[in-house]
Amino acid sequence: MATYTILAATGRIGRMTAQYLLEHGDADLVLFGHDVAERLSAFDGPRVRFVDGDLKDSSAVKDAVRGSDGVFLAYVATPDIMLPLIKDLDETGVKRFIAMSVPDVYQEVAGPFQAWYREHTGLVWKTNYVDAVNAIENSDLDYVILRTTWLYDNPAKTDVDVTRKGEPFKDAQITREAVAKFAAELLTGEQDYHRESLGIGEPGTEWAAPTFR
């Protein structure tokens, strides 16, 4: 029986990923976050273990990830979180790691979306999000980085447009449900990407701005 850990599980994407995994398989889950048992009480059951803690608490993180077949960080982390987390994964023998990030760490945002995106996010490639991405890419983990475009909710839209590192990123939006499903499928192996940084967006949204503003 597989076991997957979701770090920052109390956030919206973390919750959606947990829900998807519970409904579409038989894997056990470890859900990690602040006051997680109280905040995610709807998930309480024989397949779920809660670990309360902070991402900067190495002991709690190790408790949550030890023995897991894959870990999803449902949070865009800065280096002060990412560097110790990679060490925790190494020390507990975990290899499969899915981590959220943001577009433009490689100055890859292009097309009509570029101007609006940079106006609203600034120059991402000059932030320490780049250092967090570099730390993952320089590790020996079986990682997938998800550079996730502007988020909104729509459970009917779960298709994902994937761009690889080095390709222009043009998609203006994606649903949280699509991100959660894709992350879950990366954990289970239904999506077969390894040691890659992927831009993910909604197909057909190469627009100048998101439509849900």
N, C-alpha and C. Protein backbone atom coordinates (compact mmCIF):
# COMPACT_ATOMS: atom_id res chain seq x y z
N MET A 1 0.84 -1.20 0.00
CA MET A 1 0.00 0.00 0.00
C MET A 1 0.88 1.25 0.00
N ALA A 2 0.65 2.13 -0.95
CA ALA A 2 1.43 3.36 -1.04
C ALA A 2 1.00 4.36 0.02
N THR A 3 1.94 5.20 0.40
CA THR A 3 1.67 6.30 1.33
C THR A 3 2.23 7.58 0.74
N TYR A 4 1.40 8.62 0.72
CA TYR A 4 1.84 9.92 0.22
C TYR A 4 1.65 10.98 1.30
N THR A 5 2.60 11.90 1.35
CA THR A 5 2.53 13.00 2.31
C THR A 5 2.23 14.30 1.58
N ILE A 6 1.30 15.05 2.11
CA ILE A 6 1.01 16.39 1.59
C ILE A 6 1.43 17.40 2.66
N LEU A 7 2.42 18.20 2.33
CA LEU A 7 2.88 19.27 3.21
C LEU A 7 2.11 20.54 2.88
N ALA A 8 1.77 21.32 3.91
CA ALA A 8 0.88 22.47 3.75
C ALA A 8 -0.49 21.99 3.28
N ALA A 9 -0.94 20.92 3.91
CA ALA A 9 -2.18 20.27 3.47
C ALA A 9 -3.43 21.07 3.77
N THR A 10 -3.35 22.05 4.65
CA THR A 10 -4.55 22.81 5.02
C THR A 10 -4.89 23.90 4.02
N GLY A 11 -4.00 24.18 3.09
CA GLY A 11 -4.31 25.15 2.04
C GLY A 11 -5.29 24.56 1.03
N ARG A 12 -5.79 25.39 0.16
CA ARG A 12 -6.85 24.94 -0.75
C ARG A 12 -6.37 23.86 -1.70
N ILE A 13 -5.19 24.01 -2.27
CA ILE A 13 -4.70 22.98 -3.18
C ILE A 13 -4.33 21.71 -2.41
N GLY A 14 -3.78 21.87 -1.22
CA GLY A 14 -3.48 20.71 -0.40
C GLY A 14 -4.73 19.90 -0.09
N ARG A 15 -5.79 20.58 0.29
CA ARG A 15 -7.06 19.91 0.58
C ARG A 15 -7.60 19.19 -0.65
N MET A 16 -7.58 19.88 -1.78
CA MET A 16 -8.11 19.28 -3.01
C MET A 16 -7.30 18.06 -3.43
N THR A 17 -5.99 18.11 -3.24
CA THR A 17 -5.16 16.97 -3.58
C THR A 17 -5.46 15.79 -2.68
N ALA A 18 -5.62 16.04 -1.40
CA ALA A 18 -5.98 14.97 -0.47
C ALA A 18 -7.31 14.35 -0.86
N GLN A 19 -8.29 15.19 -1.16
CA GLN A 19 -9.61 14.69 -1.54
C GLN A 19 -9.52 13.83 -2.79
N TYR A 20 -8.75 14.28 -3.77
CA TYR A 20 -8.63 13.52 -5.01
C TYR A 20 -8.00 12.16 -4.76
N LEU A 21 -6.93 12.13 -3.97
CA LEU A 21 -6.25 10.86 -3.70
C LEU A 21 -7.14 9.89 -2.93
N LEU A 22 -7.93 10.41 -2.01
CA LEU A 22 -8.82 9.54 -1.26
C LEU A 22 -9.94 8.98 -2.13
N GLU A 23 -10.38 9.76 -3.09
CA GLU A 23 -11.50 9.35 -3.93
C GLU A 23 -11.08 8.52 -5.14
N HIS A 24 -9.80 8.55 -5.51
CA HIS A 24 -9.36 7.91 -6.74
C HIS A 24 -8.24 6.90 -6.50
N GLY A 25 -8.27 6.23 -5.39
CA GLY A 25 -7.26 5.22 -5.12
C GLY A 25 -7.38 4.71 -3.70
N ASP A 26 -6.41 3.89 -3.32
CA ASP A 26 -6.46 3.31 -1.98
C ASP A 26 -5.22 3.64 -1.16
N ALA A 27 -4.45 4.64 -1.59
CA ALA A 27 -3.23 5.01 -0.87
C ALA A 27 -3.57 5.62 0.49
N ASP A 28 -2.64 5.42 1.43
CA ASP A 28 -2.73 6.12 2.71
C ASP A 28 -2.12 7.51 2.56
N LEU A 29 -2.59 8.44 3.38
CA LEU A 29 -2.11 9.82 3.32
C LEU A 29 -1.60 10.27 4.68
N VAL A 30 -0.56 11.09 4.64
CA VAL A 30 -0.12 11.84 5.81
C VAL A 30 -0.34 13.31 5.48
N LEU A 31 -1.16 13.98 6.27
CA LEU A 31 -1.49 15.38 6.04
C LEU A 31 -0.81 16.22 7.10
N PHE A 32 0.00 17.17 6.64
CA PHE A 32 0.85 17.96 7.53
C PHE A 32 0.46 19.43 7.45
N GLY A 33 0.37 20.09 8.60
CA GLY A 33 0.11 21.52 8.64
C GLY A 33 -0.21 21.99 10.04
N HIS A 34 -0.50 23.27 10.16
CA HIS A 34 -0.86 23.85 11.44
C HIS A 34 -2.28 23.45 11.82
N ASP A 35 -2.45 22.91 13.03
CA ASP A 35 -3.78 22.50 13.51
C ASP A 35 -4.50 21.63 12.49
N VAL A 36 -3.76 20.73 11.87
CA VAL A 36 -4.27 20.01 10.71
C VAL A 36 -5.42 19.07 11.07
N ALA A 37 -5.35 18.42 12.23
CA ALA A 37 -6.42 17.48 12.58
C ALA A 37 -7.75 18.19 12.76
N GLU A 38 -7.70 19.40 13.32
CA GLU A 38 -8.92 20.17 13.51
C GLU A 38 -9.41 20.75 12.19
N ARG A 39 -8.50 21.30 11.40
CA ARG A 39 -8.89 21.99 10.18
C ARG A 39 -9.30 21.02 9.06
N LEU A 40 -8.76 19.80 9.10
CA LEU A 40 -9.09 18.81 8.07
C LEU A 40 -9.81 17.61 8.69
N SER A 41 -10.62 17.86 9.67
CA SER A 41 -11.32 16.77 10.36
C SER A 41 -12.22 15.97 9.43
N ALA A 42 -12.66 16.59 8.32
CA ALA A 42 -13.51 15.87 7.36
C ALA A 42 -12.76 14.70 6.72
N PHE A 43 -11.43 14.73 6.75
CA PHE A 43 -10.63 13.65 6.16
C PHE A 43 -10.26 12.57 7.17
N ASP A 44 -10.65 12.71 8.39
CA ASP A 44 -10.28 11.75 9.43
C ASP A 44 -10.80 10.36 9.06
N GLY A 45 -9.93 9.38 9.14
CA GLY A 45 -10.33 8.02 8.80
C GLY A 45 -9.14 7.09 8.83
N PRO A 46 -9.34 5.83 8.55
CA PRO A 46 -8.27 4.83 8.68
C PRO A 46 -7.11 5.02 7.69
N ARG A 47 -7.34 5.75 6.61
CA ARG A 47 -6.28 5.94 5.61
C ARG A 47 -5.50 7.23 5.80
N VAL A 48 -5.83 8.00 6.83
CA VAL A 48 -5.23 9.33 7.00
C VAL A 48 -4.56 9.44 8.37
N ARG A 49 -3.34 9.95 8.34
CA ARG A 49 -2.63 10.31 9.58
C ARG A 49 -2.34 11.81 9.54
N PHE A 50 -2.61 12.49 10.63
CA PHE A 50 -2.36 13.92 10.73
C PHE A 50 -1.06 14.15 11.48
N VAL A 51 -0.26 15.09 10.99
CA VAL A 51 0.93 15.53 11.70
C VAL A 51 0.87 17.04 11.80
N ASP A 52 0.76 17.53 13.02
CA ASP A 52 0.69 18.98 13.26
C ASP A 52 2.10 19.55 13.30
N GLY A 53 2.31 20.67 12.61
CA GLY A 53 3.64 21.26 12.67
C GLY A 53 3.84 22.36 11.66
N ASP A 54 5.03 22.93 11.74
CA ASP A 54 5.46 24.02 10.87
C ASP A 54 6.51 23.48 9.90
N LEU A 55 6.54 24.02 8.70
CA LEU A 55 7.50 23.55 7.71
C LEU A 55 8.95 23.80 8.12
N LYS A 56 9.17 24.69 9.08
CA LYS A 56 10.52 24.94 9.57
C LYS A 56 10.90 24.04 10.74
N ASP A 57 9.98 23.19 11.16
CA ASP A 57 10.22 22.26 12.26
C ASP A 57 10.69 20.93 11.68
N SER A 58 11.99 20.73 11.65
CA SER A 58 12.57 19.57 10.99
C SER A 58 12.07 18.26 11.59
N SER A 59 11.94 18.21 12.88
CA SER A 59 11.49 16.98 13.53
C SER A 59 10.08 16.60 13.09
N ALA A 60 9.20 17.58 13.04
CA ALA A 60 7.82 17.32 12.62
C ALA A 60 7.76 16.94 11.14
N VAL A 61 8.55 17.63 10.32
CA VAL A 61 8.57 17.32 8.88
C VAL A 61 9.06 15.89 8.66
N LYS A 62 10.12 15.50 9.36
CA LYS A 62 10.65 14.15 9.21
C LYS A 62 9.62 13.11 9.63
N ASP A 63 8.89 13.39 10.69
CA ASP A 63 7.82 12.48 11.12
C ASP A 63 6.78 12.31 10.02
N ALA A 64 6.47 13.40 9.33
CA ALA A 64 5.44 13.37 8.29
C ALA A 64 5.89 12.65 7.03
N VAL A 65 7.17 12.78 6.66
CA VAL A 65 7.61 12.25 5.36
C VAL A 65 8.27 10.88 5.45
N ARG A 66 8.69 10.49 6.64
CA ARG A 66 9.41 9.22 6.76
C ARG A 66 8.53 8.05 6.31
N GLY A 67 9.04 7.25 5.38
CA GLY A 67 8.30 6.10 4.88
C GLY A 67 7.36 6.40 3.74
N SER A 68 7.28 7.67 3.32
CA SER A 68 6.36 8.03 2.24
C SER A 68 6.93 7.65 0.88
N ASP A 69 6.03 7.28 -0.02
CA ASP A 69 6.43 6.97 -1.39
C ASP A 69 6.53 8.23 -2.24
N GLY A 70 5.97 9.32 -1.75
CA GLY A 70 6.05 10.59 -2.45
C GLY A 70 5.55 11.71 -1.56
N VAL A 71 6.10 12.90 -1.79
CA VAL A 71 5.75 14.07 -0.98
C VAL A 71 5.36 15.20 -1.92
N PHE A 72 4.24 15.85 -1.61
CA PHE A 72 3.79 17.03 -2.36
C PHE A 72 3.80 18.23 -1.44
N LEU A 73 4.59 19.24 -1.78
CA LEU A 73 4.59 20.51 -1.07
C LEU A 73 3.60 21.43 -1.77
N ALA A 74 2.43 21.57 -1.17
CA ALA A 74 1.34 22.35 -1.78
C ALA A 74 1.45 23.82 -1.38
N TYR A 75 2.62 24.37 -1.60
CA TYR A 75 2.95 25.70 -1.12
C TYR A 75 4.18 26.18 -1.88
N VAL A 76 4.21 27.44 -2.23
CA VAL A 76 5.37 28.01 -2.93
C VAL A 76 6.36 28.49 -1.86
N ALA A 77 7.42 27.74 -1.70
CA ALA A 77 8.35 27.97 -0.59
C ALA A 77 9.54 28.82 -1.01
N THR A 78 10.05 29.57 -0.06
CA THR A 78 11.29 30.32 -0.21
C THR A 78 12.45 29.47 0.31
N PRO A 79 13.69 29.88 0.04
CA PRO A 79 14.83 29.03 0.40
C PRO A 79 14.93 28.68 1.89
N ASP A 80 14.47 29.56 2.77
CA ASP A 80 14.57 29.27 4.20
C ASP A 80 13.73 28.05 4.59
N ILE A 81 12.73 27.73 3.78
CA ILE A 81 11.95 26.50 3.97
C ILE A 81 12.48 25.38 3.09
N MET A 82 12.80 25.69 1.84
CA MET A 82 13.14 24.65 0.88
C MET A 82 14.46 23.95 1.21
N LEU A 83 15.48 24.69 1.58
CA LEU A 83 16.78 24.07 1.82
C LEU A 83 16.73 23.06 2.97
N PRO A 84 16.18 23.41 4.14
CA PRO A 84 16.07 22.40 5.20
C PRO A 84 15.14 21.25 4.82
N LEU A 85 14.10 21.53 4.03
CA LEU A 85 13.18 20.48 3.63
C LEU A 85 13.89 19.45 2.75
N ILE A 86 14.68 19.90 1.81
CA ILE A 86 15.43 18.96 0.97
C ILE A 86 16.35 18.10 1.84
N LYS A 87 16.96 18.69 2.83
CA LYS A 87 17.81 17.92 3.75
C LYS A 87 16.98 16.90 4.51
N ASP A 88 15.80 17.29 4.96
CA ASP A 88 14.92 16.36 5.68
C ASP A 88 14.53 15.18 4.79
N LEU A 89 14.24 15.46 3.53
CA LEU A 89 13.88 14.39 2.59
C LEU A 89 15.06 13.45 2.37
N ASP A 90 16.24 14.02 2.22
CA ASP A 90 17.44 13.20 2.03
C ASP A 90 17.67 12.31 3.26
N GLU A 91 17.53 12.88 4.44
CA GLU A 91 17.84 12.14 5.66
C GLU A 91 16.82 11.06 5.98
N THR A 92 15.62 11.19 5.42
CA THR A 92 14.60 10.16 5.64
C THR A 92 14.48 9.20 4.46
N GLY A 93 15.29 9.41 3.42
CA GLY A 93 15.31 8.49 2.29
C GLY A 93 14.18 8.67 1.29
N VAL A 94 13.48 9.80 1.36
CA VAL A 94 12.40 10.06 0.41
C VAL A 94 13.01 10.59 -0.89
N LYS A 95 12.53 10.07 -2.02
CA LYS A 95 13.05 10.52 -3.31
C LYS A 95 12.03 11.33 -4.12
N ARG A 96 10.78 10.86 -4.16
CA ARG A 96 9.78 11.51 -5.03
C ARG A 96 9.26 12.77 -4.36
N PHE A 97 9.42 13.90 -5.02
CA PHE A 97 9.09 15.20 -4.44
C PHE A 97 8.44 16.08 -5.50
N ILE A 98 7.23 16.52 -5.22
CA ILE A 98 6.50 17.44 -6.09
C ILE A 98 6.39 18.78 -5.35
N ALA A 99 6.78 19.86 -5.99
CA ALA A 99 6.79 21.16 -5.32
C ALA A 99 6.18 22.23 -6.21
N MET A 100 5.35 23.06 -5.62
CA MET A 100 4.79 24.19 -6.34
C MET A 100 5.79 25.33 -6.44
N SER A 101 5.71 26.04 -7.55
CA SER A 101 6.49 27.26 -7.73
C SER A 101 5.66 28.21 -8.58
N VAL A 102 6.32 29.22 -9.12
CA VAL A 102 5.62 30.23 -9.92
C VAL A 102 6.30 30.40 -11.27
N PRO A 103 5.56 30.85 -12.28
CA PRO A 103 6.18 31.11 -13.58
C PRO A 103 7.15 32.29 -13.54
N ASP A 104 8.03 32.30 -14.49
CA ASP A 104 8.99 33.38 -14.76
C ASP A 104 10.26 33.29 -13.93
N VAL A 105 10.50 32.16 -13.26
CA VAL A 105 11.79 31.99 -12.58
C VAL A 105 12.92 31.90 -13.60
N TYR A 106 12.60 31.53 -14.84
CA TYR A 106 13.59 31.47 -15.92
C TYR A 106 13.36 32.59 -16.96
N GLN A 107 12.54 33.58 -16.63
CA GLN A 107 12.11 34.62 -17.58
C GLN A 107 11.41 33.98 -18.78
N GLU A 108 10.61 32.95 -18.50
CA GLU A 108 9.99 32.19 -19.58
C GLU A 108 8.60 32.66 -19.96
N VAL A 109 7.98 33.54 -19.17
CA VAL A 109 6.64 34.01 -19.51
C VAL A 109 6.71 34.85 -20.78
N ALA A 110 5.87 34.52 -21.75
CA ALA A 110 5.95 35.15 -23.07
C ALA A 110 4.56 35.39 -23.62
N GLY A 111 4.51 35.97 -24.79
CA GLY A 111 3.23 36.16 -25.46
C GLY A 111 2.42 37.29 -24.84
N PRO A 112 1.12 37.34 -25.15
CA PRO A 112 0.26 38.41 -24.66
C PRO A 112 0.20 38.51 -23.13
N PHE A 113 0.42 37.39 -22.44
CA PHE A 113 0.29 37.34 -20.98
C PHE A 113 1.46 38.02 -20.26
N GLN A 114 2.58 38.17 -20.94
CA GLN A 114 3.79 38.62 -20.26
C GLN A 114 3.62 39.96 -19.55
N ALA A 115 3.08 40.95 -20.22
CA ALA A 115 2.99 42.29 -19.64
C ALA A 115 2.11 42.31 -18.40
N TRP A 116 0.93 41.70 -18.47
CA TRP A 116 0.02 41.67 -17.32
C TRP A 116 0.64 40.91 -16.15
N TYR A 117 1.23 39.77 -16.47
CA TYR A 117 1.81 38.94 -15.41
C TYR A 117 2.92 39.69 -14.67
N ARG A 118 3.82 40.29 -15.40
CA ARG A 118 4.94 40.97 -14.75
C ARG A 118 4.48 42.23 -14.02
N GLU A 119 3.44 42.85 -14.50
CA GLU A 119 2.88 44.00 -13.79
C GLU A 119 2.34 43.58 -12.42
N HIS A 120 1.79 42.39 -12.34
CA HIS A 120 1.14 41.94 -11.11
C HIS A 120 2.04 41.11 -10.20
N THR A 121 3.15 40.60 -10.70
CA THR A 121 4.04 39.77 -9.88
C THR A 121 5.43 40.35 -9.71
N GLY A 122 5.78 41.32 -10.53
CA GLY A 122 7.14 41.83 -10.49
C GLY A 122 8.09 40.93 -11.27
N LEU A 123 9.36 41.13 -11.05
CA LEU A 123 10.39 40.38 -11.78
C LEU A 123 10.74 39.13 -10.98
N VAL A 124 10.01 38.06 -11.23
CA VAL A 124 10.14 36.84 -10.43
C VAL A 124 11.56 36.30 -10.48
N TRP A 125 12.24 36.42 -11.65
CA TRP A 125 13.58 35.86 -11.78
C TRP A 125 14.62 36.59 -10.93
N LYS A 126 14.22 37.68 -10.31
CA LYS A 126 15.12 38.39 -9.40
C LYS A 126 14.78 38.15 -7.93
N THR A 127 13.84 37.25 -7.67
CA THR A 127 13.43 36.94 -6.29
C THR A 127 14.11 35.65 -5.82
N ASN A 128 13.96 35.39 -4.52
CA ASN A 128 14.57 34.17 -3.99
C ASN A 128 13.77 32.91 -4.32
N TYR A 129 12.64 33.05 -5.02
CA TYR A 129 11.99 31.84 -5.53
C TYR A 129 12.92 31.10 -6.49
N VAL A 130 13.77 31.83 -7.17
CA VAL A 130 14.76 31.22 -8.07
C VAL A 130 15.71 30.34 -7.27
N ASP A 131 16.15 30.81 -6.10
CA ASP A 131 17.06 30.03 -5.27
C ASP A 131 16.40 28.73 -4.79
N ALA A 132 15.10 28.80 -4.49
CA ALA A 132 14.39 27.60 -4.07
C ALA A 132 14.32 26.58 -5.21
N VAL A 133 14.04 27.07 -6.41
CA VAL A 133 14.00 26.19 -7.59
C VAL A 133 15.38 25.60 -7.86
N ASN A 134 16.41 26.41 -7.77
CA ASN A 134 17.77 25.92 -8.00
C ASN A 134 18.14 24.83 -7.00
N ALA A 135 17.72 25.01 -5.75
CA ALA A 135 18.02 24.00 -4.73
C ALA A 135 17.40 22.66 -5.07
N ILE A 136 16.17 22.69 -5.56
CA ILE A 136 15.52 21.43 -5.95
C ILE A 136 16.25 20.81 -7.14
N GLU A 137 16.54 21.63 -8.15
CA GLU A 137 17.17 21.11 -9.36
C GLU A 137 18.59 20.59 -9.09
N ASN A 138 19.25 21.12 -8.08
CA ASN A 138 20.61 20.68 -7.75
C ASN A 138 20.62 19.51 -6.78
N SER A 139 19.45 19.08 -6.33
CA SER A 139 19.36 17.94 -5.42
C SER A 139 19.38 16.63 -6.20
N ASP A 140 19.41 15.51 -5.47
CA ASP A 140 19.32 14.20 -6.12
C ASP A 140 17.93 13.61 -6.02
N LEU A 141 16.94 14.46 -5.72
CA LEU A 141 15.56 14.00 -5.60
C LEU A 141 14.95 13.70 -6.96
N ASP A 142 13.96 12.84 -6.96
CA ASP A 142 13.14 12.58 -8.16
C ASP A 142 12.01 13.62 -8.13
N TYR A 143 12.34 14.82 -8.55
CA TYR A 143 11.46 15.96 -8.34
C TYR A 143 10.64 16.28 -9.58
N VAL A 144 9.53 16.98 -9.34
CA VAL A 144 8.84 17.73 -10.38
C VAL A 144 8.46 19.08 -9.78
N ILE A 145 8.88 20.14 -10.41
CA ILE A 145 8.51 21.50 -10.01
C ILE A 145 7.33 21.93 -10.86
N LEU A 146 6.30 22.45 -10.21
CA LEU A 146 5.09 22.90 -10.91
C LEU A 146 5.03 24.42 -10.88
N ARG A 147 5.42 25.04 -12.01
CA ARG A 147 5.32 26.49 -12.14
C ARG A 147 3.88 26.81 -12.56
N THR A 148 3.12 27.22 -11.58
CA THR A 148 1.66 27.27 -11.72
C THR A 148 1.19 28.69 -11.98
N THR A 149 0.46 28.88 -13.05
CA THR A 149 -0.01 30.21 -13.43
C THR A 149 -1.17 30.66 -12.53
N TRP A 150 -1.84 31.74 -12.88
CA TRP A 150 -2.87 32.38 -12.04
C TRP A 150 -4.01 31.40 -11.74
N LEU A 151 -4.40 31.32 -10.48
CA LEU A 151 -5.31 30.28 -10.01
C LEU A 151 -6.74 30.77 -9.82
N TYR A 152 -7.69 29.88 -10.15
CA TYR A 152 -9.09 30.11 -9.83
C TYR A 152 -9.75 28.76 -9.61
N ASP A 153 -11.02 28.74 -9.22
CA ASP A 153 -11.72 27.49 -8.92
C ASP A 153 -12.77 27.18 -9.98
N ASN A 154 -12.74 25.96 -10.47
CA ASN A 154 -13.79 25.44 -11.35
C ASN A 154 -13.60 23.93 -11.45
N PRO A 155 -14.39 23.15 -10.70
CA PRO A 155 -14.19 21.70 -10.70
C PRO A 155 -14.43 21.03 -12.04
N ALA A 156 -15.06 21.72 -12.97
CA ALA A 156 -15.32 21.14 -14.29
C ALA A 156 -14.11 21.22 -15.22
N LYS A 157 -13.09 21.99 -14.83
CA LYS A 157 -11.94 22.19 -15.71
C LYS A 157 -10.68 21.64 -15.04
N THR A 158 -10.28 20.44 -15.46
CA THR A 158 -9.11 19.80 -14.85
C THR A 158 -8.05 19.41 -15.88
N ASP A 159 -8.20 19.85 -17.14
CA ASP A 159 -7.16 19.59 -18.13
C ASP A 159 -5.97 20.51 -17.90
N VAL A 160 -4.79 20.02 -18.24
CA VAL A 160 -3.55 20.76 -18.00
C VAL A 160 -2.73 20.85 -19.27
N ASP A 161 -2.24 22.06 -19.55
CA ASP A 161 -1.30 22.31 -20.64
C ASP A 161 0.09 22.38 -20.01
N VAL A 162 1.00 21.51 -20.46
CA VAL A 162 2.33 21.39 -19.86
C VAL A 162 3.38 22.00 -20.78
N THR A 163 4.23 22.85 -20.22
CA THR A 163 5.42 23.33 -20.93
C THR A 163 6.64 22.97 -20.10
N ARG A 164 7.68 22.58 -20.80
CA ARG A 164 8.91 22.18 -20.12
C ARG A 164 9.86 23.36 -19.97
N LYS A 165 10.85 23.19 -19.13
CA LYS A 165 11.89 24.20 -18.96
C LYS A 165 12.54 24.49 -20.30
N GLY A 166 12.71 25.76 -20.60
CA GLY A 166 13.28 26.17 -21.87
C GLY A 166 12.24 26.53 -22.91
N GLU A 167 10.98 26.20 -22.64
CA GLU A 167 9.89 26.54 -23.56
C GLU A 167 9.16 27.79 -23.05
N PRO A 168 8.62 28.62 -23.94
CA PRO A 168 7.87 29.79 -23.49
C PRO A 168 6.59 29.39 -22.78
N PHE A 169 6.27 30.16 -21.75
CA PHE A 169 5.07 29.91 -20.95
C PHE A 169 4.06 31.02 -21.24
N LYS A 170 2.86 30.65 -21.71
CA LYS A 170 1.92 31.66 -22.19
C LYS A 170 0.53 31.56 -21.56
N ASP A 171 0.26 30.52 -20.77
CA ASP A 171 -1.10 30.31 -20.26
C ASP A 171 -1.42 31.27 -19.12
N ALA A 172 -2.59 31.88 -19.18
CA ALA A 172 -2.96 32.94 -18.24
C ALA A 172 -3.63 32.42 -16.97
N GLN A 173 -4.14 31.21 -16.98
CA GLN A 173 -4.88 30.75 -15.80
C GLN A 173 -4.93 29.23 -15.76
N ILE A 174 -5.28 28.73 -14.56
CA ILE A 174 -5.50 27.30 -14.35
C ILE A 174 -6.34 27.15 -13.08
N THR A 175 -7.13 26.10 -13.03
CA THR A 175 -7.94 25.88 -11.83
C THR A 175 -7.12 25.18 -10.76
N ARG A 176 -7.48 25.45 -9.51
CA ARG A 176 -6.86 24.73 -8.40
C ARG A 176 -7.16 23.24 -8.50
N GLU A 177 -8.35 22.92 -8.99
CA GLU A 177 -8.71 21.51 -9.16
C GLU A 177 -7.78 20.81 -10.14
N ALA A 178 -7.41 21.50 -11.22
CA ALA A 178 -6.49 20.92 -12.20
C ALA A 178 -5.11 20.70 -11.60
N VAL A 179 -4.63 21.67 -10.82
CA VAL A 179 -3.33 21.53 -10.17
C VAL A 179 -3.34 20.36 -9.20
N ALA A 180 -4.39 20.25 -8.40
CA ALA A 180 -4.50 19.17 -7.43
C ALA A 180 -4.51 17.80 -8.11
N LYS A 181 -5.30 17.68 -9.15
CA LYS A 181 -5.38 16.40 -9.88
C LYS A 181 -4.02 16.05 -10.49
N PHE A 182 -3.36 17.02 -11.09
CA PHE A 182 -2.07 16.77 -11.72
C PHE A 182 -1.03 16.37 -10.68
N ALA A 183 -1.01 17.07 -9.55
CA ALA A 183 -0.07 16.73 -8.48
C ALA A 183 -0.33 15.33 -7.96
N ALA A 184 -1.60 14.99 -7.77
CA ALA A 184 -1.94 13.65 -7.30
C ALA A 184 -1.47 12.59 -8.28
N GLU A 185 -1.66 12.85 -9.57
CA GLU A 185 -1.26 11.88 -10.59
C GLU A 185 0.26 11.78 -10.73
N LEU A 186 0.97 12.83 -10.39
CA LEU A 186 2.43 12.75 -10.34
C LEU A 186 2.87 11.84 -9.19
N LEU A 187 2.17 11.92 -8.07
CA LEU A 187 2.49 11.05 -6.94
C LEU A 187 2.21 9.59 -7.27
N THR A 188 1.08 9.32 -7.87
CA THR A 188 0.69 7.94 -8.13
C THR A 188 1.38 7.32 -9.34
N GLY A 189 2.01 8.14 -10.17
CA GLY A 189 2.67 7.64 -11.36
C GLY A 189 1.83 7.69 -12.62
N GLU A 190 0.60 8.18 -12.51
CA GLU A 190 -0.24 8.31 -13.70
C GLU A 190 0.31 9.38 -14.65
N GLN A 191 0.98 10.37 -14.09
CA GLN A 191 1.74 11.34 -14.89
C GLN A 191 3.22 11.01 -14.74
N ASP A 192 3.89 10.77 -15.86
CA ASP A 192 5.24 10.22 -15.83
C ASP A 192 6.29 11.28 -16.16
N TYR A 193 6.53 12.16 -15.21
CA TYR A 193 7.57 13.18 -15.35
C TYR A 193 8.56 13.01 -14.20
N HIS A 194 9.83 13.18 -14.50
CA HIS A 194 10.87 12.97 -13.49
C HIS A 194 11.99 13.98 -13.69
N ARG A 195 12.40 14.59 -12.58
CA ARG A 195 13.47 15.60 -12.58
C ARG A 195 13.21 16.64 -13.66
N GLU A 196 12.02 17.23 -13.60
CA GLU A 196 11.62 18.26 -14.56
C GLU A 196 10.96 19.43 -13.86
N SER A 197 11.11 20.59 -14.48
CA SER A 197 10.40 21.80 -14.06
C SER A 197 9.35 22.09 -15.12
N LEU A 198 8.09 21.99 -14.71
CA LEU A 198 6.99 22.09 -15.67
C LEU A 198 6.17 23.36 -15.43
N GLY A 199 5.89 24.08 -16.50
CA GLY A 199 4.89 25.14 -16.44
C GLY A 199 3.53 24.52 -16.70
N ILE A 200 2.57 24.82 -15.84
CA ILE A 200 1.25 24.25 -16.06
C ILE A 200 0.19 25.35 -16.10
N GLY A 201 -0.68 25.22 -17.10
CA GLY A 201 -1.76 26.16 -17.28
C GLY A 201 -2.96 25.45 -17.88
N GLU A 202 -4.00 26.20 -18.11
CA GLU A 202 -5.22 25.66 -18.71
C GLU A 202 -5.11 25.73 -20.23
N PRO A 203 -5.39 24.64 -20.93
CA PRO A 203 -5.32 24.68 -22.39
C PRO A 203 -6.22 25.77 -22.97
N GLY A 204 -5.71 26.43 -23.99
CA GLY A 204 -6.50 27.45 -24.68
C GLY A 204 -6.60 28.78 -23.98
N THR A 205 -5.68 29.06 -23.04
CA THR A 205 -5.75 30.33 -22.30
C THR A 205 -4.52 31.21 -22.55
N GLU A 206 -4.05 31.23 -23.78
CA GLU A 206 -2.92 32.09 -24.12
C GLU A 206 -3.43 33.51 -24.36
N TRP A 207 -3.90 34.11 -23.26
CA TRP A 207 -4.55 35.42 -23.32
C TRP A 207 -3.66 36.49 -22.71
N ALA A 208 -4.12 37.74 -22.82
CA ALA A 208 -3.37 38.86 -22.24
C ALA A 208 -3.51 38.94 -20.72
N ALA A 209 -4.54 38.28 -20.16
CA ALA A 209 -4.78 38.30 -18.73
C ALA A 209 -5.80 37.21 -18.40
N PRO A 210 -5.88 36.80 -17.13
CA PRO A 210 -6.92 35.84 -16.76
C PRO A 210 -8.31 36.43 -16.98
N THR A 211 -9.28 35.59 -17.21
CA THR A 211 -10.64 36.06 -17.46
C THR A 211 -11.44 36.24 -16.18
N PHE A 212 -10.97 35.71 -15.06
CA PHE A 212 -11.76 35.72 -13.82
C PHE A 212 -11.45 36.91 -12.93
N ARG A 213 -10.66 37.87 -13.41
CA ARG A 213 -10.26 39.01 -12.57
C ARG A 213 -11.47 39.75 -12.03
